[in-house]
N, C-alpha and C. Protein backbone atom coordinates (compact mmCIF):
# COMPACT_ATOMS: atom_id res chain seq x y z
N GLY A 1 76.21 87.87 110.44
CA GLY A 1 75.46 88.93 110.08
C GLY A 1 74.65 88.41 108.91
N ASN A 2 73.79 89.43 109.05
CA ASN A 2 72.53 88.93 107.57
C ASN A 2 73.67 89.75 105.96
N ILE A 3 73.14 88.45 105.17
CA ILE A 3 74.34 88.67 104.12
C ILE A 3 73.30 89.61 103.19
N LEU A 4 72.20 89.86 103.09
CA LEU A 4 71.87 90.97 102.48
C LEU A 4 71.75 92.39 102.71
N THR A 5 71.77 92.41 104.36
CA THR A 5 72.35 93.59 104.77
C THR A 5 73.83 94.37 104.47
N TRP A 6 74.03 92.97 104.02
CA TRP A 6 75.86 93.10 104.11
C TRP A 6 75.89 93.87 102.58
N TRP A 7 75.28 93.44 101.72
CA TRP A 7 74.90 93.69 100.23
C TRP A 7 74.44 95.32 100.08
N LYS A 8 73.38 95.28 100.81
CA LYS A 8 72.61 96.32 101.13
C LYS A 8 74.06 97.73 101.60
N ASP A 9 74.32 97.62 102.67
CA ASP A 9 75.45 98.53 103.15
C ASP A 9 76.48 98.74 102.45
N ARG A 10 76.60 97.68 101.31
CA ARG A 10 78.01 98.29 100.27
C ARG A 10 77.48 98.31 98.79
N SER A 11 76.09 99.08 98.78
CA SER A 11 75.45 99.27 97.32
C SER A 11 76.15 100.18 96.94
N ILE A 12 77.06 101.13 97.68
CA ILE A 12 77.45 102.44 96.98
C ILE A 12 79.10 101.90 96.15
N ILE A 13 79.73 101.12 96.94
CA ILE A 13 80.84 100.69 96.24
C ILE A 13 80.58 99.89 95.21
N TYR A 14 79.58 98.70 95.53
CA TYR A 14 79.43 97.67 94.45
C TYR A 14 77.94 97.84 93.65
N LYS A 15 77.54 99.04 92.61
CA LYS A 15 76.63 99.56 92.31
C LYS A 15 75.77 98.20 91.92
N GLN A 16 76.76 97.48 90.41
CA GLN A 16 75.80 96.56 90.08
C GLN A 16 75.88 95.24 90.68
N LEU A 17 77.16 95.15 91.12
CA LEU A 17 77.14 93.69 91.53
C LEU A 17 76.21 93.31 92.82
N SER A 18 75.74 94.48 93.66
CA SER A 18 75.32 94.34 95.12
C SER A 18 73.55 94.21 94.47
N ARG A 19 72.98 95.00 93.36
CA ARG A 19 71.77 94.47 93.04
C ARG A 19 71.36 92.89 92.68
N LEU A 20 72.38 92.63 91.84
CA LEU A 20 72.50 91.46 91.04
C LEU A 20 72.14 90.40 92.95
N ALA A 21 73.57 90.48 93.32
CA ALA A 21 73.32 89.62 94.83
C ALA A 21 72.19 90.14 95.40
N LEU A 22 71.52 90.99 95.50
CA LEU A 22 70.13 91.03 96.34
C LEU A 22 68.96 90.52 95.39
N SER A 23 68.79 90.40 94.76
CA SER A 23 67.96 89.46 93.85
C SER A 23 68.06 88.22 93.48
N LEU A 24 69.95 87.57 93.72
CA LEU A 24 69.69 85.98 93.78
C LEU A 24 69.59 85.62 95.32
N LEU A 25 70.05 86.35 95.88
CA LEU A 25 70.00 85.90 97.52
C LEU A 25 68.76 85.88 98.27
N ALA A 26 67.91 86.36 97.34
CA ALA A 26 66.56 86.26 98.10
C ALA A 26 65.71 84.90 97.90
N ILE A 27 66.63 84.37 96.96
CA ILE A 27 66.34 82.48 96.52
C ILE A 27 66.25 81.63 97.88
N SER A 28 65.26 81.11 98.48
CA SER A 28 65.49 80.25 99.67
C SER A 28 66.06 78.84 98.77
N ALA A 29 67.24 78.44 99.28
CA ALA A 29 67.74 77.03 99.18
C ALA A 29 66.94 76.04 99.75
N SER A 30 66.44 74.98 98.89
CA SER A 30 65.98 73.86 99.26
C SER A 30 67.01 72.53 98.65
N SER A 31 66.69 71.47 99.55
CA SER A 31 67.15 70.26 99.16
C SER A 31 66.34 68.96 98.74
N ALA A 32 64.91 69.42 98.80
CA ALA A 32 63.72 68.39 98.88
C ALA A 32 63.95 67.51 97.20
N THR A 33 64.06 68.60 96.23
CA THR A 33 64.12 68.24 95.06
C THR A 33 65.27 66.75 94.50
N ALA A 34 66.76 67.40 95.46
CA ALA A 34 67.98 66.56 95.07
C ALA A 34 67.60 65.46 95.96
N GLU A 35 67.06 65.42 97.31
CA GLU A 35 66.73 64.28 97.90
C GLU A 35 65.66 63.24 97.64
N ARG A 36 64.81 63.94 96.34
CA ARG A 36 63.54 62.85 96.07
C ARG A 36 64.41 62.05 94.97
N ILE A 37 64.98 62.48 94.07
CA ILE A 37 66.04 61.97 93.22
C ILE A 37 66.80 60.68 93.66
N PHE A 38 67.29 60.95 95.05
CA PHE A 38 68.14 60.07 95.65
C PHE A 38 67.19 58.82 95.68
N SER A 39 66.30 59.42 96.18
CA SER A 39 65.31 58.10 96.44
C SER A 39 64.50 57.50 96.06
N GLY A 40 64.37 58.21 94.72
CA GLY A 40 63.69 57.27 93.50
C GLY A 40 65.29 56.47 92.68
N THR A 41 66.14 56.63 92.49
CA THR A 41 67.14 56.01 92.26
C THR A 41 67.56 54.85 93.33
N GLY A 42 67.12 54.52 94.47
CA GLY A 42 67.11 53.71 95.26
C GLY A 42 66.24 52.66 94.89
N ARG A 43 64.82 53.05 93.90
CA ARG A 43 63.82 52.15 94.12
C ARG A 43 64.52 51.52 92.89
N ILE A 44 64.99 52.39 91.80
CA ILE A 44 65.66 51.51 90.93
C ILE A 44 66.91 50.39 90.97
N LEU A 45 67.69 50.35 91.65
CA LEU A 45 68.28 49.57 92.00
C LEU A 45 68.13 48.31 93.14
N GLU A 46 66.87 48.02 92.80
CA GLU A 46 66.63 46.88 94.01
C GLU A 46 67.05 45.45 93.60
N ALA A 47 66.67 44.49 94.31
CA ALA A 47 67.06 42.94 94.44
C ALA A 47 66.87 42.08 93.07
N LYS A 48 65.69 42.79 92.59
CA LYS A 48 65.29 41.90 91.14
C LYS A 48 66.16 42.84 89.79
N ARG A 49 66.83 43.70 90.49
CA ARG A 49 67.34 44.24 88.94
C ARG A 49 68.83 44.23 89.27
N GLN A 50 69.60 43.02 89.74
CA GLN A 50 70.80 42.84 89.92
C GLN A 50 71.92 42.95 89.05
N LEU A 51 71.22 42.32 87.83
CA LEU A 51 71.83 41.93 86.79
C LEU A 51 72.09 42.96 85.72
N LEU A 52 71.60 44.16 86.11
CA LEU A 52 71.34 45.10 85.14
C LEU A 52 72.81 45.71 84.73
N SER A 53 73.29 45.57 83.65
CA SER A 53 74.27 46.67 83.15
C SER A 53 74.97 48.07 83.48
N PRO A 54 76.10 48.33 83.90
CA PRO A 54 76.27 50.03 84.09
C PRO A 54 75.56 50.92 83.40
N GLU A 55 75.45 50.14 82.33
CA GLU A 55 74.90 51.26 81.04
C GLU A 55 73.81 51.43 81.44
N SER A 56 72.78 50.63 81.24
CA SER A 56 71.42 50.28 81.64
C SER A 56 70.96 51.16 82.88
N VAL A 57 71.79 51.03 84.15
CA VAL A 57 71.22 51.84 85.25
C VAL A 57 71.34 53.13 85.16
N ASP A 58 72.65 53.42 84.28
CA ASP A 58 72.96 54.86 84.30
C ASP A 58 71.77 55.73 83.38
N SER A 59 71.25 55.43 82.22
CA SER A 59 70.31 55.54 81.44
C SER A 59 69.09 55.38 82.09
N LEU A 60 68.45 54.44 82.90
CA LEU A 60 67.37 54.41 84.16
C LEU A 60 67.39 55.62 84.73
N ILE A 61 68.72 55.91 85.53
CA ILE A 61 68.61 56.88 86.29
C ILE A 61 68.44 58.67 85.64
N LYS A 62 68.89 58.49 84.49
CA LYS A 62 68.92 59.87 83.73
C LYS A 62 67.39 60.02 83.50
N LEU A 63 66.52 58.81 82.78
CA LEU A 63 64.88 58.93 82.32
C LEU A 63 64.27 59.48 83.10
N TYR A 64 64.82 58.82 85.06
CA TYR A 64 63.90 58.74 86.07
C TYR A 64 64.01 60.64 86.41
N ILE A 65 65.24 61.07 86.25
CA ILE A 65 65.79 62.37 86.56
C ILE A 65 64.79 63.36 85.94
N CYS A 66 64.55 63.01 84.32
CA CYS A 66 64.05 63.93 83.32
C CYS A 66 62.45 63.60 83.75
N ILE A 67 61.81 62.25 84.26
CA ILE A 67 60.76 62.45 84.49
C ILE A 67 60.25 63.36 85.67
N VAL A 68 61.15 62.93 86.75
CA VAL A 68 60.95 63.66 87.87
C VAL A 68 60.85 65.19 87.60
N LEU A 69 61.79 65.80 87.15
CA LEU A 69 62.08 67.21 86.75
C LEU A 69 60.95 68.09 86.02
N ALA A 70 60.41 66.82 84.67
CA ALA A 70 59.08 67.63 84.03
C ALA A 70 57.66 67.51 84.98
N ARG A 71 57.77 66.56 85.93
CA ARG A 71 56.31 66.52 87.14
C ARG A 71 56.71 67.85 87.50
N LEU A 72 57.32 68.16 88.04
CA LEU A 72 57.76 69.10 89.35
C LEU A 72 57.96 70.84 89.01
N ARG A 73 58.12 70.94 87.54
CA ARG A 73 57.94 71.83 85.97
C ARG A 73 56.30 71.78 86.03
N PHE A 74 55.47 70.78 85.94
CA PHE A 74 54.11 70.66 85.35
C PHE A 74 53.10 71.47 86.80
N ARG A 75 53.83 70.67 87.95
CA ARG A 75 53.15 70.81 89.44
C ARG A 75 53.36 72.44 89.42
N VAL A 76 54.37 73.28 89.42
CA VAL A 76 54.66 74.58 89.68
C VAL A 76 54.02 75.23 88.49
N ARG A 77 53.42 74.77 87.02
CA ARG A 77 53.10 75.71 86.51
C ARG A 77 51.53 75.41 86.63
N VAL A 78 51.09 74.10 87.32
CA VAL A 78 49.67 74.23 87.09
C VAL A 78 48.86 74.02 88.15
N ARG A 79 49.65 73.91 89.02
CA ARG A 79 49.06 73.11 90.69
C ARG A 79 49.48 74.35 91.84
N GLY A 80 50.78 74.93 91.42
CA GLY A 80 51.29 75.67 92.31
C GLY A 80 50.21 77.21 92.87
N PRO A 81 50.44 77.66 93.93
CA PRO A 81 49.69 78.18 94.76
C PRO A 81 49.93 79.75 93.75
N ARG A 82 48.95 80.34 93.72
CA ARG A 82 48.76 81.61 92.82
C ARG A 82 49.15 82.84 93.46
N THR A 83 48.86 82.81 95.17
CA THR A 83 49.03 83.82 95.67
C THR A 83 50.26 83.83 96.51
N CYS A 84 50.76 84.99 97.42
CA CYS A 84 52.12 84.88 98.20
C CYS A 84 51.49 85.07 99.55
N LYS A 85 52.10 84.60 100.70
CA LYS A 85 51.66 85.12 101.83
C LYS A 85 51.90 86.81 102.27
N GLN A 86 50.99 86.77 103.24
CA GLN A 86 50.82 88.43 103.54
C GLN A 86 52.11 89.14 104.10
N GLY A 87 52.45 90.58 103.35
CA GLY A 87 54.11 90.49 103.15
C GLY A 87 54.87 90.80 102.40
N LEU A 88 54.47 89.80 101.03
CA LEU A 88 55.31 89.27 100.04
C LEU A 88 54.58 89.82 99.28
N THR A 89 55.16 89.76 97.87
CA THR A 89 55.04 90.48 96.07
C THR A 89 55.54 89.10 95.49
N CYS A 90 54.71 88.70 94.69
CA CYS A 90 55.21 87.84 93.28
C CYS A 90 55.42 88.38 92.29
N PHE A 91 57.03 88.03 92.56
CA PHE A 91 57.97 88.59 91.47
C PHE A 91 58.25 88.00 90.60
N LYS A 92 57.91 88.37 88.70
CA LYS A 92 57.95 87.79 87.95
C LYS A 92 59.44 87.77 87.40
N ARG A 93 60.21 86.71 87.22
CA ARG A 93 61.69 86.57 86.66
C ARG A 93 61.77 86.03 85.37
N SER A 94 61.00 85.75 85.28
CA SER A 94 61.18 84.70 83.61
C SER A 94 59.39 84.58 83.27
N LYS A 95 59.07 84.36 82.17
CA LYS A 95 57.94 83.79 81.82
C LYS A 95 58.01 82.54 82.62
N TYR A 96 59.01 81.68 82.79
CA TYR A 96 59.22 80.32 83.45
C TYR A 96 58.70 80.41 84.72
N TYR A 97 59.21 81.71 85.31
CA TYR A 97 59.56 81.53 86.70
C TYR A 97 59.16 82.63 87.55
N ALA A 98 58.21 82.48 88.53
CA ALA A 98 58.05 83.75 89.75
C ALA A 98 58.39 83.23 90.82
N GLN A 99 58.66 84.53 91.47
CA GLN A 99 58.64 83.86 93.30
C GLN A 99 57.84 85.23 94.31
N CYS A 100 57.96 84.69 95.48
CA CYS A 100 57.23 85.15 96.75
C CYS A 100 58.91 86.11 97.26
N ILE A 101 58.94 87.49 96.80
CA ILE A 101 59.86 88.04 97.76
C ILE A 101 59.34 89.58 98.60
N GLY A 102 60.08 89.73 99.42
CA GLY A 102 59.47 90.80 100.26
C GLY A 102 59.29 92.40 99.00
N LYS A 103 58.55 93.15 99.50
CA LYS A 103 58.26 94.29 99.19
C LYS A 103 59.48 95.43 98.80
N GLU A 104 59.90 95.31 99.48
CA GLU A 104 61.33 95.99 99.61
C GLU A 104 62.51 95.50 98.49
N MET A 105 62.69 93.95 98.49
CA MET A 105 63.39 93.32 97.85
C MET A 105 62.44 93.51 96.52
N ALA A 106 61.31 93.57 96.25
CA ALA A 106 60.50 93.68 95.16
C ALA A 106 60.94 95.17 94.19
N ALA A 107 60.91 96.19 95.25
CA ALA A 107 61.47 97.21 94.32
C ALA A 107 62.39 97.80 94.33
N VAL A 108 63.47 97.25 94.47
CA VAL A 108 64.88 97.45 94.60
C VAL A 108 65.60 96.74 92.73
N ALA A 109 65.01 95.24 93.08
CA ALA A 109 65.02 94.50 91.45
C ALA A 109 64.12 95.38 90.20
N THR A 110 63.26 95.97 90.39
CA THR A 110 62.29 96.39 89.35
C THR A 110 62.37 97.87 89.01
N ILE A 111 63.55 98.53 89.56
CA ILE A 111 64.16 99.68 89.44
C ILE A 111 65.21 99.36 88.07
N PRO A 112 64.71 100.41 87.09
CA PRO A 112 65.33 100.18 86.11
C PRO A 112 66.86 101.01 85.89
N ILE A 113 67.84 100.33 85.57
CA ILE A 113 69.42 100.93 85.54
C ILE A 113 69.49 101.71 84.16
N GLN A 114 69.68 103.53 84.48
CA GLN A 114 70.25 104.08 83.66
C GLN A 114 72.03 104.20 83.18
N TYR A 115 72.27 103.89 82.11
CA TYR A 115 73.69 104.54 82.16
C TYR A 115 74.06 105.87 81.85
N ILE A 116 75.10 105.97 82.16
CA ILE A 116 75.35 107.78 81.84
C ILE A 116 76.79 107.87 81.30
N ALA A 117 76.53 108.19 79.97
CA ALA A 117 77.63 108.22 79.19
C ALA A 117 79.24 109.26 79.66
N LEU A 118 80.30 109.14 78.93
CA LEU A 118 81.47 109.72 79.07
C LEU A 118 81.05 110.95 79.24
N GLY A 119 81.40 111.55 80.57
CA GLY A 119 81.17 113.74 80.86
C GLY A 119 79.75 113.59 80.90
N GLY A 120 78.95 112.88 81.13
CA GLY A 120 77.82 112.95 82.02
C GLY A 120 77.31 113.26 83.22
N ARG A 121 76.74 114.08 83.88
CA ARG A 121 76.65 114.39 85.16
C ARG A 121 75.53 112.96 85.83
N CYS A 122 76.62 112.95 87.33
CA CYS A 122 75.74 111.67 87.91
C CYS A 122 76.03 111.72 89.26
N GLY A 123 76.26 112.98 89.79
CA GLY A 123 75.97 113.26 91.46
C GLY A 123 75.80 114.54 91.82
N GLY A 124 75.70 114.52 93.30
CA GLY A 124 75.58 115.81 93.51
C GLY A 124 73.93 115.64 94.46
N GLU A 125 73.67 116.39 95.59
CA GLU A 125 72.97 116.33 96.42
C GLU A 125 71.21 116.57 96.02
N LYS A 126 71.65 117.68 94.77
CA LYS A 126 70.07 118.03 93.93
C LYS A 126 69.91 117.03 93.01
N ASP A 127 71.06 115.87 92.51
CA ASP A 127 70.66 115.03 91.40
C ASP A 127 69.90 114.03 92.13
N THR A 128 68.60 114.04 91.89
CA THR A 128 67.78 112.76 92.19
C THR A 128 66.85 111.93 91.16
N ARG A 129 68.21 111.77 90.17
CA ARG A 129 67.73 110.67 89.12
C ARG A 129 68.31 109.20 89.39
N GLU A 130 67.48 108.58 90.25
CA GLU A 130 67.93 107.26 90.45
C GLU A 130 67.74 106.06 90.09
N PRO A 131 67.92 104.98 90.28
CA PRO A 131 69.67 104.74 90.15
C PRO A 131 70.15 105.20 88.76
N LEU A 132 71.32 105.50 89.20
CA LEU A 132 72.17 105.89 87.79
C LEU A 132 73.73 105.19 88.07
N ILE A 133 73.96 104.80 86.60
CA ILE A 133 75.66 103.98 86.94
C ILE A 133 76.49 104.34 85.88
N CYS A 134 77.38 104.71 85.97
CA CYS A 134 78.49 105.48 84.71
C CYS A 134 78.65 104.19 83.87
N ALA A 135 78.71 104.39 82.96
CA ALA A 135 79.24 103.64 81.60
C ALA A 135 80.49 103.02 82.15
N ILE A 136 80.30 101.88 81.52
CA ILE A 136 81.78 100.60 81.88
C ILE A 136 82.78 101.78 81.26
N GLY A 137 83.80 101.96 81.99
CA GLY A 137 85.12 102.02 81.88
C GLY A 137 85.12 103.46 82.44
N THR A 138 84.17 104.11 83.05
CA THR A 138 83.76 105.48 83.84
C THR A 138 83.80 105.10 85.44
N TYR A 139 84.08 106.56 85.51
CA TYR A 139 83.44 105.70 87.48
C TYR A 139 82.92 107.93 87.70
N CYS A 140 82.36 107.62 88.36
CA CYS A 140 81.65 109.08 89.09
C CYS A 140 82.18 110.09 90.14
N PHE A 141 83.22 110.75 89.28
CA PHE A 141 83.88 111.30 90.30
C PHE A 141 83.37 112.95 90.62
N ILE A 142 83.44 112.85 92.04
CA ILE A 142 82.79 114.13 92.54
C ILE A 142 83.53 115.45 92.80
N GLN A 143 82.81 116.50 92.09
CA GLN A 143 83.78 117.69 91.81
C GLN A 143 83.71 118.44 93.29
N ASN A 144 82.53 118.52 93.76
CA ASN A 144 81.65 118.93 94.87
C ASN A 144 80.27 118.56 95.18
N GLU A 145 79.46 118.96 96.36
CA GLU A 145 78.13 118.55 96.89
C GLU A 145 77.13 118.47 95.63
N ASN A 146 77.18 119.21 94.84
CA ASN A 146 76.51 120.00 93.69
C ASN A 146 76.36 119.27 92.28
N TYR A 147 77.75 118.57 92.40
CA TYR A 147 78.38 118.20 90.90
C TYR A 147 79.44 116.91 90.99
N GLY A 148 78.77 115.72 89.79
CA GLY A 148 79.96 114.97 90.07
C GLY A 148 79.67 114.23 88.43
N GLU A 149 80.72 113.65 88.02
CA GLU A 149 80.73 113.78 86.61
C GLU A 149 81.12 112.46 86.51
N CYS A 150 80.86 111.54 85.34
CA CYS A 150 81.39 110.06 84.96
C CYS A 150 82.85 110.57 84.02
N ARG A 151 83.91 109.96 84.70
CA ARG A 151 85.25 110.24 84.04
C ARG A 151 86.18 108.90 84.28
N THR A 152 87.07 109.31 83.37
CA THR A 152 88.27 108.12 83.33
C THR A 152 89.22 108.10 84.47
N SER A 153 89.22 109.33 85.34
CA SER A 153 90.19 109.72 86.30
C SER A 153 89.86 110.85 86.81
N CYS A 154 90.07 111.27 88.13
CA CYS A 154 89.86 112.38 89.14
C CYS A 154 90.85 113.59 88.67
N PRO A 155 89.85 114.79 88.46
CA PRO A 155 90.89 116.01 88.05
C PRO A 155 91.45 116.15 89.42
N SER A 156 92.57 116.96 89.30
CA SER A 156 93.98 117.24 89.87
C SER A 156 92.95 117.93 91.21
N ASN A 157 92.05 118.97 90.82
CA ASN A 157 91.54 120.06 91.95
C ASN A 157 90.05 119.30 92.34
N TRP A 158 89.91 118.48 92.08
CA TRP A 158 88.21 118.05 92.44
C TRP A 158 88.17 117.30 93.90
N TYR A 159 87.13 117.30 94.38
CA TYR A 159 86.75 116.65 96.13
C TYR A 159 87.28 115.47 95.61
N CYS A 160 87.17 114.71 94.94
CA CYS A 160 87.02 113.16 94.66
C CYS A 160 89.16 113.12 95.28
N GLN A 161 89.63 114.13 95.16
CA GLN A 161 91.31 113.69 95.58
C GLN A 161 91.21 113.56 96.99
N LYS A 162 90.19 114.02 97.20
CA LYS A 162 90.52 113.94 99.05
C LYS A 162 89.80 112.43 99.71
N GLN A 163 88.43 111.88 98.69
CA GLN A 163 87.75 110.74 99.16
C GLN A 163 88.65 109.87 99.12
N THR A 164 88.32 108.62 100.17
CA THR A 164 88.66 107.53 100.81
C THR A 164 88.10 106.84 100.54
N LEU A 165 88.27 105.21 100.70
CA LEU A 165 88.00 104.05 100.24
C LEU A 165 88.00 103.19 102.00
N PRO A 166 86.91 102.94 102.10
CA PRO A 166 86.99 101.90 103.31
C PRO A 166 87.33 100.60 103.13
N GLU A 167 87.30 99.55 104.15
CA GLU A 167 88.21 98.09 103.89
C GLU A 167 87.30 96.91 103.45
N TRP A 168 87.67 96.48 102.45
CA TRP A 168 86.95 95.67 101.32
C TRP A 168 86.85 96.17 100.00
N ALA A 169 87.12 97.69 100.27
CA ALA A 169 86.71 98.40 98.69
C ALA A 169 87.48 98.03 97.62
N PRO A 170 87.13 97.99 96.63
CA PRO A 170 88.46 97.57 95.39
C PRO A 170 88.87 98.95 94.93
N CYS A 171 90.51 99.10 94.81
CA CYS A 171 90.81 99.99 94.88
C CYS A 171 92.29 100.45 93.41
N GLY A 172 92.06 99.12 92.89
CA GLY A 172 93.05 99.40 91.66
C GLY A 172 93.02 97.98 90.96
N GLY A 173 93.68 97.64 90.16
CA GLY A 173 93.70 96.88 89.04
C GLY A 173 94.17 97.21 87.27
N GLU A 174 94.34 96.45 86.68
CA GLU A 174 94.58 96.88 85.39
C GLU A 174 93.69 97.72 84.77
N THR A 175 92.57 97.05 84.57
CA THR A 175 91.42 97.82 84.20
C THR A 175 90.61 98.58 85.30
N TYR A 176 91.01 98.78 85.98
CA TYR A 176 89.95 99.65 87.26
C TYR A 176 90.04 100.97 87.54
N VAL A 177 88.75 101.79 87.11
CA VAL A 177 88.54 103.22 86.86
C VAL A 177 88.11 103.45 88.34
N GLY A 178 88.48 103.64 88.87
CA GLY A 178 87.39 104.90 90.37
C GLY A 178 88.58 105.45 91.29
N LEU A 179 87.89 105.66 92.57
CA LEU A 179 88.94 105.87 93.71
C LEU A 179 89.84 105.08 93.66
N THR A 180 91.21 105.36 94.44
CA THR A 180 92.27 104.34 94.84
C THR A 180 92.63 104.62 96.33
N LYS A 181 92.54 105.68 96.91
CA LYS A 181 92.53 106.49 98.56
C LYS A 181 92.22 105.58 99.11
N CYS A 182 92.80 104.96 100.19
CA CYS A 182 92.29 103.95 101.26
C CYS A 182 91.83 105.12 102.69
N LYS A 183 91.28 104.47 103.58
CA LYS A 183 91.41 105.07 104.65
C LYS A 183 92.67 104.94 105.25
N GLU A 184 92.36 105.84 106.46
CA GLU A 184 93.92 105.98 107.26
C GLU A 184 93.74 104.76 107.62
N SER A 185 95.03 104.10 108.16
CA SER A 185 95.29 102.49 108.60
C SER A 185 95.22 101.41 107.52
N LEU A 186 94.53 102.07 106.46
CA LEU A 186 94.91 101.09 105.30
C LEU A 186 95.56 101.04 104.57
N GLN A 187 95.57 99.91 103.23
CA GLN A 187 96.63 100.22 102.27
C GLN A 187 95.86 99.35 101.25
N CYS A 188 96.82 99.84 99.72
CA CYS A 188 95.81 99.02 98.73
C CYS A 188 96.80 98.01 98.34
N TYR A 189 96.03 96.55 98.80
CA TYR A 189 96.89 95.69 98.49
C TYR A 189 96.61 94.62 97.14
N ALA A 190 97.44 94.35 96.43
CA ALA A 190 97.59 93.46 94.73
C ALA A 190 96.91 92.02 94.94
N HIS A 191 95.73 91.80 94.95
CA HIS A 191 95.49 90.41 94.40
C HIS A 191 95.88 89.44 93.08
N SER A 192 95.84 90.28 92.43
CA SER A 192 96.50 90.26 90.93
C SER A 192 96.41 91.68 89.94
N LYS A 193 96.94 91.31 89.00
CA LYS A 193 97.15 92.59 88.05
C LYS A 193 96.02 93.14 87.67
N TRP A 194 94.77 92.18 88.11
CA TRP A 194 93.58 92.71 87.80
C TRP A 194 92.89 93.10 88.61
N TYR A 195 93.03 93.21 90.01
CA TYR A 195 92.34 93.62 91.26
C TYR A 195 93.14 93.86 92.22
N SER A 196 93.12 94.72 92.89
CA SER A 196 93.46 95.26 94.33
C SER A 196 92.32 95.85 95.18
N GLU A 197 92.59 95.45 96.88
CA GLU A 197 91.96 96.10 97.68
C GLU A 197 92.13 96.48 98.90
N CYS A 198 91.25 97.45 99.84
CA CYS A 198 91.73 98.17 100.61
C CYS A 198 91.51 96.85 102.07
N ARG A 199 92.76 96.62 102.42
CA ARG A 199 92.86 95.91 103.50
C ARG A 199 93.65 96.68 104.48
N SER A 200 93.77 96.16 106.10
CA SER A 200 94.55 96.38 106.82
C SER A 200 95.94 95.54 106.89
N GLU A 201 95.88 94.52 106.34
CA GLU A 201 97.06 93.35 106.03
C GLU A 201 96.79 93.01 104.99
N CYS A 202 98.01 92.60 104.45
CA CYS A 202 98.13 91.90 102.64
C CYS A 202 97.78 90.49 103.41
N PRO A 203 96.54 90.11 102.65
CA PRO A 203 96.34 88.39 103.14
C PRO A 203 97.11 87.60 102.21
N GLU A 204 96.83 86.48 102.67
CA GLU A 204 98.05 85.34 102.66
C GLU A 204 97.90 84.74 101.00
N GLY A 205 98.67 84.89 100.41
CA GLY A 205 98.71 84.23 98.68
C GLY A 205 98.40 85.62 98.05
N TRP A 206 98.22 86.73 98.31
CA TRP A 206 98.31 88.05 97.27
C TRP A 206 99.18 88.42 97.07
N LYS A 207 99.65 89.14 95.87
CA LYS A 207 100.70 89.62 95.23
C LYS A 207 100.81 90.94 95.84
N CYS A 208 101.51 90.88 97.30
CA CYS A 208 101.06 92.50 97.58
C CYS A 208 102.97 93.06 97.40
């Protein structure tokens, strides 16, 4: 399946990690630079240079790589295309690098994250302040359909006591804060003292 779709479907479970994944996985992989460098090193060790010492060869290869990378950066900065193809938008990741990505992906990447302090409201059908993420060490526990709150645990009479987690969702660990009850037919298996996950069976090598 599509890895971007996988992360999008699980953005509710992995709020911060999914935003990072969607941002990085949009970068197209390419081996052109590595192949160009390997081809160039072959020209360094030609027949007329068989008496070069290993140290000299190592220095020449490093110098060649630096020259190639410097040329690539210059070409991208000065001669590279300035516009994206139709349907794509130019997203600036830093002052050194910009990338053509889909408009939907750009919209997700540019939305500022707002962190909610302990005790702050974080959910409910009427809450339209998005995206909102509870501060580290807290979780958005739902009281009812109209109200949720960033807390360190779920109160006994709140709706979050009835909520369950799907397969692959984190469910426990030494510093974990969040829901701990897995869906029916699933159990919360421990991978280590730091991390547990809802699975249908204990994976090999886990500390179940």
